[in-house]
């Protein structure tokens, strides 16, 4: 249950607090106090960094469940960004099998092991049929 307070943990905390202060700069907000933009990928990375620092202060009574949740959230946000970028790059062109296959491959990181296995088999079967 002991949580070591070392210089690295304190430094990481101060860096994250500085980044938070920059992110919530009043110049980036409108007169109502709400944010003028959406969450950008760099802000998602910042949130992951914040949660990682917070995890170092949480007692380890939960067997690392917080760390697993943070990593899973990072995987989901990464897959979302890649999928969004892929769909945007497809544009208004006619959907092709290559686009569909890439979309399926981008979804793989958010699946559990059994679903990954089935999707990998499906992708391999489609690739064999196309060859």
Protein backbone atom coordinates (compact mmCIF):
# COMPACT_ATOMS: atom_id res chain seq x y z
CA UNK A 1 0.00 0.00 0.00
CA UNK A 2 3.03 2.21 0.25
CA UNK A 3 3.31 4.77 -2.50
CA UNK A 4 6.87 5.96 -3.14
CA UNK A 5 7.12 9.72 -3.52
CA UNK A 6 10.18 10.22 -5.63
CA UNK A 7 11.42 13.11 -7.71
CA UNK A 8 10.21 11.51 -10.96
CA UNK A 9 6.62 11.24 -9.75
CA UNK A 10 6.61 14.82 -8.49
CA UNK A 11 8.15 16.10 -11.74
CA UNK A 12 5.63 14.23 -13.88
CA UNK A 13 2.82 15.67 -11.80
CA UNK A 14 4.11 19.22 -12.19
CA UNK A 15 4.53 18.80 -15.96
CA UNK A 16 0.98 17.50 -16.31
CA UNK A 17 -0.38 20.36 -14.21
CA UNK A 18 1.46 22.85 -16.42
CA UNK A 19 -0.01 21.24 -19.54
CA UNK A 20 -3.48 21.34 -18.01
CA UNK A 21 -3.07 25.02 -17.24
CA UNK A 22 -2.06 25.68 -20.85
CA UNK A 23 -4.97 23.61 -22.16
CA UNK A 24 -7.49 25.52 -20.05
CA UNK A 25 -6.07 28.91 -20.94
CA UNK A 26 -8.89 31.51 -20.84
CA UNK A 27 -7.84 32.71 -24.31
CA UNK A 28 -9.14 29.39 -25.68
CA UNK A 29 -12.61 29.83 -24.15
CA UNK A 30 -15.57 31.95 -25.18
CA UNK A 31 -17.44 34.43 -22.96
CA UNK A 32 -19.74 31.69 -21.55
CA UNK A 33 -16.76 29.75 -20.23
CA UNK A 34 -17.23 26.81 -22.56
CA UNK A 35 -14.48 25.49 -24.76
CA UNK A 36 -14.33 26.97 -28.25
CA UNK A 37 -13.09 23.79 -29.88
CA UNK A 38 -13.30 20.06 -29.71
CA UNK A 39 -10.90 17.65 -28.09
CA UNK A 40 -7.94 17.19 -30.39
CA UNK A 41 -5.73 14.10 -30.47
CA UNK A 42 -3.04 15.92 -28.51
CA UNK A 43 -5.59 16.56 -25.75
CA UNK A 44 -6.50 12.88 -25.69
CA UNK A 45 -2.82 12.06 -25.28
CA UNK A 46 -2.67 14.62 -22.48
CA UNK A 47 -5.62 12.94 -20.75
CA UNK A 48 -3.85 9.59 -20.95
CA UNK A 49 -0.76 11.20 -19.44
CA UNK A 50 -2.86 12.71 -16.65
CA UNK A 51 -4.44 9.36 -15.85
CA UNK A 52 -1.03 7.72 -15.82
CA UNK A 53 0.21 10.25 -13.27
CA UNK A 54 -2.95 9.84 -11.18
CA UNK A 55 -2.47 6.07 -11.26
CA UNK A 56 0.92 6.46 -9.59
CA UNK A 57 -0.82 8.08 -6.57
CA UNK A 58 -3.64 5.53 -6.28
CA UNK A 59 -2.98 2.71 -3.81
CA UNK A 60 -2.47 -0.63 -5.49
CA UNK A 61 -5.46 -2.27 -3.77
CA UNK A 62 -7.32 -2.73 -7.04
CA UNK A 63 -4.72 -5.03 -8.61
CA UNK A 64 -3.92 -2.61 -11.40
CA UNK A 65 -7.48 -2.24 -12.65
CA UNK A 66 -7.01 1.51 -13.08
CA UNK A 67 -3.94 0.99 -15.24
CA UNK A 68 -5.78 -1.52 -17.39
CA UNK A 69 -8.71 0.85 -17.78
CA UNK A 70 -6.40 3.69 -18.80
CA UNK A 71 -4.60 1.50 -21.35
CA UNK A 72 -7.90 0.27 -22.76
CA UNK A 73 -9.16 3.84 -23.08
CA UNK A 74 -5.98 4.75 -24.91
CA UNK A 75 -6.44 1.80 -27.29
CA UNK A 76 -10.03 2.84 -27.96
CA UNK A 77 -9.13 6.47 -28.62
CA UNK A 78 -6.27 5.44 -30.92
CA UNK A 79 -8.51 3.10 -32.89
CA UNK A 80 -11.18 5.81 -33.10
CA UNK A 81 -8.71 8.38 -34.46
CA UNK A 82 -7.31 5.95 -37.04
CA UNK A 83 -10.79 4.88 -38.12
CA UNK A 84 -11.97 8.48 -38.37
CA UNK A 85 -8.91 9.38 -40.45
CA UNK A 86 -9.44 6.39 -42.73
CA UNK A 87 -13.10 7.20 -43.31
CA UNK A 88 -12.23 10.82 -43.99
CA UNK A 89 -9.56 9.75 -46.53
CA UNK A 90 -12.08 7.54 -48.31
CA UNK A 91 -14.07 10.66 -49.09
CA UNK A 92 -17.04 10.24 -51.33
CA UNK A 93 -15.47 7.55 -53.46
CA UNK A 94 -17.30 4.32 -54.06
CA UNK A 95 -16.65 1.81 -51.26
CA UNK A 96 -14.17 -0.78 -52.41
CA UNK A 97 -13.16 -4.06 -50.84
CA UNK A 98 -9.73 -2.62 -49.97
CA UNK A 99 -11.36 0.14 -47.93
CA UNK A 100 -13.60 -2.35 -46.17
CA UNK A 101 -10.65 -4.61 -45.33
CA UNK A 102 -8.64 -1.70 -43.93
CA UNK A 103 -11.64 -0.63 -41.86
CA UNK A 104 -11.92 -4.13 -40.39
CA UNK A 105 -8.20 -4.15 -39.61
CA UNK A 106 -8.49 -0.82 -37.81
CA UNK A 107 -11.27 -2.17 -35.58
CA UNK A 108 -9.17 -5.13 -34.38
CA UNK A 109 -7.48 -3.33 -31.41
CA UNK A 110 -10.78 -2.76 -29.61
CA UNK A 111 -11.94 -6.38 -29.80
CA UNK A 112 -11.39 -9.05 -27.20
CA UNK A 113 -9.22 -12.09 -27.98
CA UNK A 114 -12.01 -14.32 -29.25
CA UNK A 115 -13.43 -11.63 -31.53
CA UNK A 116 -9.92 -10.84 -32.81
CA UNK A 117 -9.43 -14.49 -33.69
CA UNK A 118 -12.66 -14.66 -35.69
CA UNK A 119 -12.01 -11.36 -37.44
CA UNK A 120 -8.45 -12.37 -38.32
CA UNK A 121 -9.74 -15.62 -39.83
CA UNK A 122 -12.39 -13.73 -41.77
CA UNK A 123 -9.82 -11.27 -43.14
CA UNK A 124 -7.50 -14.12 -44.18
CA UNK A 125 -10.35 -15.92 -45.96
CA UNK A 126 -11.28 -12.74 -47.87
CA UNK A 127 -7.62 -12.17 -48.81
CA UNK A 128 -7.34 -15.75 -50.11
CA UNK A 129 -10.52 -15.37 -52.14
CA UNK A 130 -9.27 -12.09 -53.67
CA UNK A 131 -5.89 -13.58 -54.64
